Amino acid sequence: METINILFCGTGGQGILTAAEVVALAAMYDGYHVKKSEVHGMAQRGGSVESHVRIGKKVFSPIIECGKADYLLSFEKGEHDRMFYMLKQKGTDLFNDFVEASKKISNPKFVNTYMLGVLSKYLSISNESWQQAMKESIKPQYLDKNIEVFTQGNRN
């Protein structure tokens, strides 16, 4: 497997760091080598947040090089526009999926999990690993709803 580069971006409070953690754990549970890096400035005040996740047989650096992201998951238009240069020429931009998810999901706290479901369609990670990663990363009282929303994103 070639290294897969996933860039999450948005603003503080959108669940970017949690989403990146779930992807990283799910990939690890499936036996992949994973590196993850986070950049969060004024995250608590709605500032920029980004997380780089790299998955492969052997990954050496946690930071995605400019123009090398395979997937761009943006949870905010301004951050999408700011980070778009990171997406490689034939990379997958999931911003339109985010816009649609924002319309479908009544509670914005679950949009990040819906987007993980969308992303899961592109990655060779087992459903069992996704669920185990969510169990480890999400508070128990929200787990069932997150699994439901993840499944919804995976089916659409």
Protein backbone atom coordinates (compact mmCIF):
# COMPACT_ATOMS: atom_id res chain seq x y z
CA MET A 1 0.00 0.00 0.00
CA GLU A 2 1.25 3.44 -0.91
CA THR A 3 1.11 6.08 1.80
CA ILE A 4 -2.30 7.73 2.00
CA ASN A 5 -2.36 11.37 3.10
CA ILE A 6 -5.51 12.78 4.69
CA LEU A 7 -5.79 16.44 5.67
CA PHE A 8 -8.55 17.61 8.00
CA CYS A 9 -9.14 21.34 8.42
CA GLY A 10 -11.67 23.69 9.91
CA THR A 11 -12.11 25.71 13.08
CA GLY A 12 -12.04 24.90 16.77
CA GLY A 13 -15.01 22.95 18.06
CA GLN A 14 -15.87 21.15 14.81
CA GLY A 15 -14.45 17.80 15.89
CA ILE A 16 -11.44 17.84 13.57
CA LEU A 17 -9.00 16.43 16.09
CA THR A 18 -11.44 13.71 17.12
CA ALA A 19 -12.09 12.74 13.50
CA ALA A 20 -8.36 12.53 12.79
CA GLU A 21 -7.85 10.42 15.91
CA VAL A 22 -10.58 7.98 14.83
CA VAL A 23 -9.03 7.56 11.37
CA ALA A 24 -5.56 7.05 12.83
CA LEU A 25 -6.74 4.46 15.34
CA ALA A 26 -8.89 2.60 12.81
CA ALA A 27 -5.92 2.33 10.43
CA MET A 28 -3.66 1.14 13.27
CA TYR A 29 -6.20 -1.53 14.25
CA ASP A 30 -6.08 -2.76 10.65
CA GLY A 31 -2.29 -3.09 10.90
CA TYR A 32 -1.16 0.06 9.10
CA HIS A 33 1.66 2.31 10.22
CA VAL A 34 0.24 5.74 11.05
CA LYS A 35 1.61 9.20 11.75
CA LYS A 36 -0.56 12.11 12.86
CA SER A 37 0.14 15.77 13.45
CA GLU A 38 -2.10 18.55 14.71
CA VAL A 39 -1.94 22.30 14.33
CA HIS A 40 -4.37 24.23 16.48
CA GLY A 41 -3.82 27.84 17.29
CA MET A 42 -6.81 29.58 18.81
CA ALA A 43 -8.92 26.43 18.58
CA GLN A 44 -11.06 27.26 21.59
CA ARG A 45 -12.06 30.57 20.00
CA GLY A 46 -12.98 29.23 16.59
CA GLY A 47 -9.46 29.58 15.20
CA SER A 48 -7.89 27.43 12.52
CA VAL A 49 -7.37 23.75 13.22
CA GLU A 50 -5.73 21.21 10.95
CA SER A 51 -4.68 17.63 11.37
CA HIS A 52 -2.49 15.58 9.07
CA VAL A 53 -2.97 11.79 9.03
CA ARG A 54 -0.61 9.58 7.03
CA ILE A 55 -1.29 5.85 6.62
CA GLY A 56 0.87 3.22 4.94
CA LYS A 57 3.24 0.28 5.33
CA LYS A 58 5.95 2.53 6.74
CA VAL A 59 5.40 6.26 7.26
CA PHE A 60 8.34 8.43 8.22
CA SER A 61 6.92 11.94 8.65
CA PRO A 62 3.64 13.11 10.18
CA ILE A 63 3.37 16.19 7.95
CA ILE A 64 1.86 16.04 4.47
CA GLU A 65 3.95 17.83 1.86
CA CYS A 66 2.36 20.65 -0.14
CA GLY A 67 0.27 19.29 -2.98
CA LYS A 68 0.42 15.70 -1.72
CA ALA A 69 -2.86 15.23 0.21
CA ASP A 70 -4.93 12.40 -1.22
CA TYR A 71 -8.04 13.51 0.69
CA LEU A 72 -9.07 16.93 1.92
CA LEU A 73 -11.79 17.03 4.58
CA SER A 74 -12.71 20.65 5.24
CA PHE A 75 -15.33 21.53 7.80
CA GLU A 76 -15.42 25.24 6.99
CA LYS A 77 -15.37 27.13 3.65
CA GLY A 78 -12.63 29.61 4.54
CA GLU A 79 -10.35 26.85 5.80
CA HIS A 80 -11.14 24.79 2.71
CA ASP A 81 -10.05 27.64 0.48
CA ARG A 82 -6.94 28.29 2.58
CA MET A 83 -5.79 24.64 2.58
CA PHE A 84 -6.86 23.58 -0.92
CA TYR A 85 -3.28 23.95 -2.21
CA MET A 86 -2.39 20.90 -0.13
CA LEU A 87 -4.57 18.58 -2.24
CA LYS A 88 -2.74 16.73 -4.98
CA GLN A 89 -3.89 17.14 -8.56
CA LYS A 90 -5.95 13.94 -8.62
CA GLY A 91 -6.80 14.05 -4.94
CA THR A 92 -10.31 13.83 -3.53
CA ASP A 93 -11.90 17.00 -2.15
CA LEU A 94 -14.77 16.09 0.17
CA PHE A 95 -16.01 19.63 0.80
CA ASN A 96 -19.20 19.19 -1.26
CA ASP A 97 -19.95 16.10 0.84
CA PHE A 98 -19.51 18.25 3.95
CA VAL A 99 -21.95 20.85 2.61
CA GLU A 100 -24.52 18.11 1.95
CA ALA A 101 -23.89 16.52 5.36
CA SER A 102 -24.47 19.88 7.04
CA LYS A 103 -27.93 19.95 5.47
CA LYS A 104 -28.78 16.33 6.34
CA ILE A 105 -27.51 16.10 9.91
CA SER A 106 -29.66 18.10 12.32
CA ASN A 107 -27.04 18.25 15.08
CA PRO A 108 -23.77 19.82 13.83
CA LYS A 109 -21.81 17.87 16.46
CA PHE A 110 -22.26 14.73 14.38
CA VAL A 111 -21.23 16.09 10.97
CA ASN A 112 -17.60 15.10 11.52
CA THR A 113 -18.66 11.49 12.15
CA TYR A 114 -20.82 11.52 9.03
CA MET A 115 -17.77 12.69 7.10
CA LEU A 116 -15.74 9.81 8.52
CA GLY A 117 -18.38 7.52 7.08
CA VAL A 118 -17.97 9.20 3.69
CA LEU A 119 -14.17 8.90 3.94
CA SER A 120 -14.41 5.24 4.93
CA LYS A 121 -15.73 4.39 1.45
CA TYR A 122 -12.32 5.36 0.03
CA LEU A 123 -10.09 3.59 2.55
CA SER A 124 -9.31 -0.10 2.98
CA ILE A 125 -10.09 -0.17 6.68
CA SER A 126 -12.48 -2.74 8.14
CA ASN A 127 -15.76 -1.72 9.70
CA GLU A 128 -14.69 -3.48 12.91
CA SER A 129 -11.62 -1.23 13.15
CA TRP A 130 -13.71 1.90 12.56
CA GLN A 131 -16.09 0.88 15.33
CA GLN A 132 -13.27 0.01 17.74
CA ALA A 133 -11.63 3.40 17.06
CA MET A 134 -14.92 5.19 17.74
CA LYS A 135 -15.37 3.24 20.99
CA GLU A 136 -11.98 4.44 22.11
CA SER A 137 -12.36 8.08 20.99
CA ILE A 138 -15.99 8.96 21.67
CA LYS A 139 -17.75 9.28 25.02
CA PRO A 140 -19.97 6.25 25.71
CA GLN A 141 -23.19 8.29 25.88
CA TYR A 142 -22.62 9.49 22.29
CA LEU A 143 -21.22 6.28 20.80
CA ASP A 144 -24.44 4.71 19.45
CA LYS A 145 -25.50 7.94 17.73
CA ASN A 146 -22.02 8.37 16.23
CA ILE A 147 -22.00 4.81 14.88
CA GLU A 148 -25.45 5.43 13.37
CA VAL A 149 -24.32 8.67 11.70
CA PHE A 150 -21.04 7.07 10.51
CA THR A 151 -23.07 4.29 8.85
CA GLN A 152 -25.33 6.90 7.22
CA GLY A 153 -22.27 8.67 5.76
CA ASN A 154 -20.84 5.38 4.54
CA ARG A 155 -24.04 4.51 2.67
CA ASN A 156 -24.54 7.84 0.90
